[in-house]
């Protein structure tokens, strides 16, 4: 008979575990000691790793020494170092000694606590620690197990949003009828995280039923209650069913905070499920000075926040509290035979499998419990306040440099700033260059945001290792890079043709027009949204609209068109206007090319029109394209506004205005008239097409 070999495979060996674990801990410890030596953002190219590692798994075991060597030499170059003290991008993912220890315990015990009986301690500790944190946030008892509510630990906000959306959906459809799912509507601001949009699709609600309501500088990019109420009323009139409202405490782009109480009252009035996404800034609310941002939370049905962002709890950890756990359970419960047991059937225990999407679950509560015990409330508040103070200091540094400006007032530890437009140079392009230059240096990593149509740079302070010296070095780096970029921009400006006096987009200025040609006032209209960076001022009966570079037009009325705000009356939706403008400009350009073909002296001229994204057939076969600017003068007062389509090789290219030009112009005017936009021809004038290389900047 055969016998088992004496040298057996022992994958879980307590004797080797100590030595090998020490090797890994030493490796991690050395990594943190040297973390500032690495480029913060990975500098590798896509696909780099395929050339570094074998294409198939090994047949025989390899030593831990060799594996750690590969981690150091092959994996590390492809990492963006989120724990670097020079990481200021996105929102932080905190780590701490206590977080590591809790994660080690969680992985080491490796239980699967899907229901109470599978590990009673895992379930009961989770219920306890979720109540602990709820009390630190001063949540109402209705959200706690000690009251009538309860909470659960998910991996991310996305899970929390999907689960609450599913609960709201089923609760409503059970009452309204399951065939009404395509009529359910979800509401949020245009600053709400994309998680909501993904979650809405996942629960079967059409994307077209998401109302992304506009915010502006005037509201601090929070969701105006009146805007919400009007949207709900419009949907009810259209026979839709308002379902779900998501408010945010600390939006990703700029850290905005929605007015919780006011929105909660509207949600209550219309019987919406009201969820609060406090993924980032919810952690700050354990500090009394920030708790007011949650005022009105008692009106919510659910609230979520992520301890792995700012509470020193290593990934992943998301807390979700709900007032009515049965709504969540009714939507997510599974009742397979193999899961049946007397404890569950007694209804005296919590089975967390019914509070989440997956069946299996890690012992996340152990990690959060260790963090709260090991650090204590006092140290966690100190950590948050320290980050906020560093952000406040960085904000003051930016404010004292006249080349920069704060775009959105700081609320927490996120500073949104930008390099001011200079000498007519596109502000968005300047800041893209600045951000790219900083990140490519490897010395720091930041990301950008867009709010109100304005591109800016985000500096999110919160990495555990970040100190004052790192913020100081970041600011010096930004200043140095800005000086170089501004110098380069000035040289580019000197090389530009004299006719260029500003940077706009074709969509911004090609369709300024006279609404009433017989009026003594120069009433004008355009399809520019104010949130693209325009300033609006009332002047008697008129309204002055000024773009970020100081050029102005006067309009006679601003109104709301559908879900879009601040468009002028008698202007149709921006999408349709763009389509009509595109058709008209294509028709006009087509005629210009026809004219060129009839004029041999213009045979060598080629036109590149990036805005229209077309290369007319007439260009085929021409020698290498030479780029020429064309523009169309649309009204008095703008004869000097001509914007680069691309850099000019020829200036002042003229075309004779003949009958064919007039016919083409009439065709263009006819197309624009479809949108109730009139333009006044300038016969005998040179025509230029207003455009811009970065036509979406403002």
Foldseek 3Di string as FASTA:
>chain_A
DDDDDPPDDDPDDPVVCVVLVVVVVVLVVVCVVCVLVFQQAQPDDPPPLPVVDDPDDDPDDDDPVVVSVCCVPPVVSHDNHLLDLQEFAFFGQFADPLQVVLVCVLVVVVFWQQFCVSPVVLQVLQLVLLQVVCVLLVHPLLQHPVRQWTKDKDQDVLFVLLLVLLLQLVVVCVVVPPVQLQQEAEEEALLADCSNLVSCVVNPHDSVRYQHFYDAQVNLSADDLVSVLVVVVVSVVVVGQYEAYEFEQQGRAARDAHQQQSNLVVCVVRVYQYEYEDAAPSLLSSDVVPSCSCPNVVSHQKYKYFCSRQVNNGGTIMMMTGSHVVSSLVRQPDDDPVPDDPVVVVVPTDRCSSNTNHSTDTSSSSSSVSSCVVQPPVNSNVLQVQLQVLQVVLQVVQPVDVQKDFDGDDDGNKTWMFGADDQQPQRQVLRVQLQVVLSVVSSHHWAWHAWLQAITTMGGRRNNPHDNVSSVVSVVSSVVSSVVSVVVVVVVVVQADPLARHFAALQFPVQWAALDPPDPDRATFHFDARSSAWDWDDDPQWIWIAHSVGDIDIHRAFADAPSGGGHGPLFHHPVVLLVLLLVLVVLLVVLVLVQLVVPVVNLLAAEDAVVSPDRDPSCPPHPPHAYAFFAADFDPPCPSHAEDSDGHPDPDDATACDPSSVVSVVVSQVSNCVSVGGTDHDHPDGHGRHRYPCNSND
